[in-house]
């Protein structure tokens, strides 16, 4: 059974940093596509960052240059390093995983509908 457990959220001032972690279990971690999403109250869940099984990365325009997604396959753990945080980054952050896509398949790595497995979320609050 696939399980994703996020940690590392908290409250910081604008300009601060946080590193989120997502511990994965129940599947062959390194073969899956992984992503970070966030959802603020009253808003839709949005894609923040994606890392493919081949190590390729994509980011939402709003976080490019500030956030970095990475993973440690030996630890089955996904990370999101968040720097220069802004109040608009305040949200519940979720880790997500899905089956690997075959080469040449077109899909949307930052779309929440593409992912099957989700963690419970970790709250990030940035004050001005």
C-alpha atoms as a PDB file:
ATOM      1  CA  UNK A   1       0.000   0.000   0.000  1.00  0.00           C
ATOM      2  CA  UNK A   2       1.420   3.343  -1.052  1.00  0.00           C
ATOM      3  CA  UNK A   3       1.925   5.786   1.803  1.00  0.00           C
ATOM      4  CA  UNK A   4       3.209   9.346   1.651  1.00  0.00           C
ATOM      5  CA  UNK A   5       3.939  11.287   4.827  1.00  0.00           C
ATOM      6  CA  UNK A   6       4.892  14.960   4.678  1.00  0.00           C
ATOM      7  CA  UNK A   7       6.773  16.908   7.328  1.00  0.00           C
ATOM      8  CA  UNK A   8       8.702  20.128   7.717  1.00  0.00           C
ATOM      9  CA  UNK A   9       5.961  22.701   7.526  1.00  0.00           C
ATOM     10  CA  UNK A  10       5.761  25.609   9.926  1.00  0.00           C
ATOM     11  CA  UNK A  11       5.475  29.347  10.332  1.00  0.00           C
ATOM     12  CA  UNK A  12       8.140  31.725   9.028  1.00  0.00           C
ATOM     13  CA  UNK A  13       8.470  35.398   8.207  1.00  0.00           C
ATOM     14  CA  UNK A  14       8.602  36.674   4.679  1.00  0.00           C
ATOM     15  CA  UNK A  15      12.002  35.938   3.162  1.00  0.00           C
ATOM     16  CA  UNK A  16      12.528  32.864   5.290  1.00  0.00           C
ATOM     17  CA  UNK A  17      13.132  29.266   4.264  1.00  0.00           C
ATOM     18  CA  UNK A  18      11.666  25.848   4.945  1.00  0.00           C
ATOM     19  CA  UNK A  19      12.431  22.369   3.712  1.00  0.00           C
ATOM     20  CA  UNK A  20       9.563  19.970   3.320  1.00  0.00           C
ATOM     21  CA  UNK A  21      10.070  16.217   3.301  1.00  0.00           C
ATOM     22  CA  UNK A  22       7.860  13.420   2.023  1.00  0.00           C
ATOM     23  CA  UNK A  23       8.618   9.899   3.180  1.00  0.00           C
ATOM     24  CA  UNK A  24       7.318   7.303   0.747  1.00  0.00           C
ATOM     25  CA  UNK A  25       6.668   3.621   1.276  1.00  0.00           C
ATOM     26  CA  UNK A  26       4.793   0.713  -0.239  1.00  0.00           C
ATOM     27  CA  UNK A  27       6.144   0.916  -3.782  1.00  0.00           C
ATOM     28  CA  UNK A  28       9.315   1.182  -5.830  1.00  0.00           C
ATOM     29  CA  UNK A  29       9.951   4.827  -5.084  1.00  0.00           C
ATOM     30  CA  UNK A  30      12.541   5.589  -7.734  1.00  0.00           C
ATOM     31  CA  UNK A  31      10.277   4.520 -10.592  1.00  0.00           C
ATOM     32  CA  UNK A  32       7.370   6.830  -9.816  1.00  0.00           C
ATOM     33  CA  UNK A  33       6.669  10.410 -10.825  1.00  0.00           C
ATOM     34  CA  UNK A  34       6.542  12.678  -7.776  1.00  0.00           C
ATOM     35  CA  UNK A  35       5.178  16.137  -7.191  1.00  0.00           C
ATOM     36  CA  UNK A  36       4.492  18.836  -4.648  1.00  0.00           C
ATOM     37  CA  UNK A  37       1.180  20.649  -4.622  1.00  0.00           C
ATOM     38  CA  UNK A  38      -0.374  23.299  -2.420  1.00  0.00           C
ATOM     39  CA  UNK A  39      -3.830  24.484  -1.576  1.00  0.00           C
ATOM     40  CA  UNK A  40      -4.753  27.718   0.121  1.00  0.00           C
ATOM     41  CA  UNK A  41      -8.185  28.212   1.733  1.00  0.00           C
ATOM     42  CA  UNK A  42     -10.831  28.835  -0.887  1.00  0.00           C
ATOM     43  CA  UNK A  43      -8.488  28.059  -3.766  1.00  0.00           C
ATOM     44  CA  UNK A  44      -7.913  25.082  -6.002  1.00  0.00           C
ATOM     45  CA  UNK A  45      -4.993  22.752  -5.449  1.00  0.00           C
ATOM     46  CA  UNK A  46      -2.092  23.863  -7.629  1.00  0.00           C
ATOM     47  CA  UNK A  47       1.058  22.172  -8.782  1.00  0.00           C
ATOM     48  CA  UNK A  48       4.278  23.560  -7.353  1.00  0.00           C
ATOM     49  CA  UNK A  49       7.015  21.230  -8.567  1.00  0.00           C
ATOM     50  CA  UNK A  50       7.481  17.876 -10.237  1.00  0.00           C
ATOM     51  CA  UNK A  51      10.364  15.454 -10.524  1.00  0.00           C
ATOM     52  CA  UNK A  52      10.264  12.569 -12.926  1.00  0.00           C
ATOM     53  CA  UNK A  53      11.758   9.119 -12.589  1.00  0.00           C
ATOM     54  CA  UNK A  54      14.454  10.335 -14.974  1.00  0.00           C
ATOM     55  CA  UNK A  55      15.280  13.266 -12.691  1.00  0.00           C
ATOM     56  CA  UNK A  56      13.639  15.880 -14.904  1.00  0.00           C
ATOM     57  CA  UNK A  57      12.090  18.811 -13.038  1.00  0.00           C
ATOM     58  CA  UNK A  58       9.292  21.281 -13.630  1.00  0.00           C
ATOM     59  CA  UNK A  59       8.184  24.215 -11.533  1.00  0.00           C
ATOM     60  CA  UNK A  60       5.224  26.531 -11.379  1.00  0.00           C
ATOM     61  CA  UNK A  61       6.156  30.003 -12.592  1.00  0.00           C
ATOM     62  CA  UNK A  62       5.313  31.440  -9.183  1.00  0.00           C
ATOM     63  CA  UNK A  63       8.087  29.462  -7.461  1.00  0.00           C
ATOM     64  CA  UNK A  64      10.807  29.277 -10.118  1.00  0.00           C
ATOM     65  CA  UNK A  65      14.138  30.404  -8.728  1.00  0.00           C
ATOM     66  CA  UNK A  66      12.913  30.097  -5.138  1.00  0.00           C
ATOM     67  CA  UNK A  67      11.878  26.449  -4.712  1.00  0.00           C
ATOM     68  CA  UNK A  68      13.900  23.325  -5.483  1.00  0.00           C
ATOM     69  CA  UNK A  69      12.539  19.798  -5.673  1.00  0.00           C
ATOM     70  CA  UNK A  70      14.898  16.902  -5.031  1.00  0.00           C
ATOM     71  CA  UNK A  71      14.841  13.326  -3.894  1.00  0.00           C
ATOM     72  CA  UNK A  72      16.961  10.758  -2.129  1.00  0.00           C
ATOM     73  CA  UNK A  73      16.139   7.390  -3.657  1.00  0.00           C
ATOM     74  CA  UNK A  74      18.119   5.545  -0.994  1.00  0.00           C
ATOM     75  CA  UNK A  75      15.853   7.063   1.658  1.00  0.00           C
ATOM     76  CA  UNK A  76      12.648   6.970  -0.407  1.00  0.00           C
ATOM     77  CA  UNK A  77      12.213  10.629   0.393  1.00  0.00           C
ATOM     78  CA  UNK A  78      11.138  13.627  -1.645  1.00  0.00           C
ATOM     79  CA  UNK A  79      12.122  17.167  -0.639  1.00  0.00           C
ATOM     80  CA  UNK A  80      11.037  20.686  -1.396  1.00  0.00           C
ATOM     81  CA  UNK A  81      13.490  23.400  -0.442  1.00  0.00           C
ATOM     82  CA  UNK A  82      11.630  26.692  -0.232  1.00  0.00           C
ATOM     83  CA  UNK A  83      13.624  29.925  -0.077  1.00  0.00           C
ATOM     84  CA  UNK A  84      12.592  33.588  -0.170  1.00  0.00           C
ATOM     85  CA  UNK A  85       9.149  32.667   1.048  1.00  0.00           C
ATOM     86  CA  UNK A  86       6.303  35.102   0.518  1.00  0.00           C
ATOM     87  CA  UNK A  87       2.938  35.457   2.268  1.00  0.00           C
ATOM     88  CA  UNK A  88       1.265  34.180  -0.911  1.00  0.00           C
ATOM     89  CA  UNK A  89       3.106  30.875  -0.435  1.00  0.00           C
ATOM     90  CA  UNK A  90       0.924  30.208   2.612  1.00  0.00           C
ATOM     91  CA  UNK A  91      -0.969  26.964   2.023  1.00  0.00           C
ATOM     92  CA  UNK A  92      -1.246  23.314   2.878  1.00  0.00           C
ATOM     93  CA  UNK A  93       1.466  21.510   0.958  1.00  0.00           C
ATOM     94  CA  UNK A  94       0.929  17.995  -0.346  1.00  0.00           C
ATOM     95  CA  UNK A  95       3.213  15.350  -1.723  1.00  0.00           C
ATOM     96  CA  UNK A  96       1.854  13.223  -4.565  1.00  0.00           C
ATOM     97  CA  UNK A  97       2.981  10.174  -6.514  1.00  0.00           C
ATOM     98  CA  UNK A  98       1.861   8.391  -9.624  1.00  0.00           C
ATOM     99  CA  UNK A  99       2.884   5.581 -11.896  1.00  0.00           C
ATOM    100  CA  UNK A 100       5.685   6.356 -14.333  1.00  0.00           C
ATOM    101  CA  UNK A 101       4.681   7.460 -17.805  1.00  0.00           C
ATOM    102  CA  UNK A 102       5.985   5.687 -20.864  1.00  0.00           C
ATOM    103  CA  UNK A 103       8.413   7.611 -23.021  1.00  0.00           C
ATOM    104  CA  UNK A 104       6.557   9.825 -25.446  1.00  0.00           C
ATOM    105  CA  UNK A 105       3.338   9.973 -23.438  1.00  0.00           C
ATOM    106  CA  UNK A 106       2.034  13.516 -23.070  1.00  0.00           C
ATOM    107  CA  UNK A 107       0.824  14.479 -19.634  1.00  0.00           C
ATOM    108  CA  UNK A 108       0.636  17.429 -17.245  1.00  0.00           C
ATOM    109  CA  UNK A 109       3.051  16.886 -14.338  1.00  0.00           C
ATOM    110  CA  UNK A 110       1.744  19.900 -12.434  1.00  0.00           C
ATOM    111  CA  UNK A 111      -1.906  18.915 -12.676  1.00  0.00           C
ATOM    112  CA  UNK A 112      -3.372  17.372  -9.546  1.00  0.00           C
ATOM    113  CA  UNK A 113      -5.653  15.119 -11.588  1.00  0.00           C
ATOM    114  CA  UNK A 114      -2.622  13.241 -12.904  1.00  0.00           C
ATOM    115  CA  UNK A 115      -1.703  11.828  -9.500  1.00  0.00           C
ATOM    116  CA  UNK A 116      -3.131   8.814  -7.738  1.00  0.00           C
ATOM    117  CA  UNK A 117      -1.468   8.869  -4.325  1.00  0.00           C
ATOM    118  CA  UNK A 118      -1.452  11.744  -1.844  1.00  0.00           C
ATOM    119  CA  UNK A 119      -0.073  12.524   1.567  1.00  0.00           C
ATOM    120  CA  UNK A 120      -2.027  14.192   4.351  1.00  0.00           C
ATOM    121  CA  UNK A 121      -0.335  17.567   3.908  1.00  0.00           C
ATOM    122  CA  UNK A 122       1.830  19.882   5.969  1.00  0.00           C
ATOM    123  CA  UNK A 123       0.926  23.510   6.673  1.00  0.00           C
ATOM    124  CA  UNK A 124       3.192  26.370   5.617  1.00  0.00           C
ATOM    125  CA  UNK A 125       2.401  29.840   6.909  1.00  0.00           C
ATOM    126  CA  UNK A 126       4.396  32.896   5.845  1.00  0.00           C
ATOM    127  CA  UNK A 127       3.801  36.167   7.631  1.00  0.00           C
ATOM    128  CA  UNK A 128       4.750  39.580   6.305  1.00  0.00           C
END
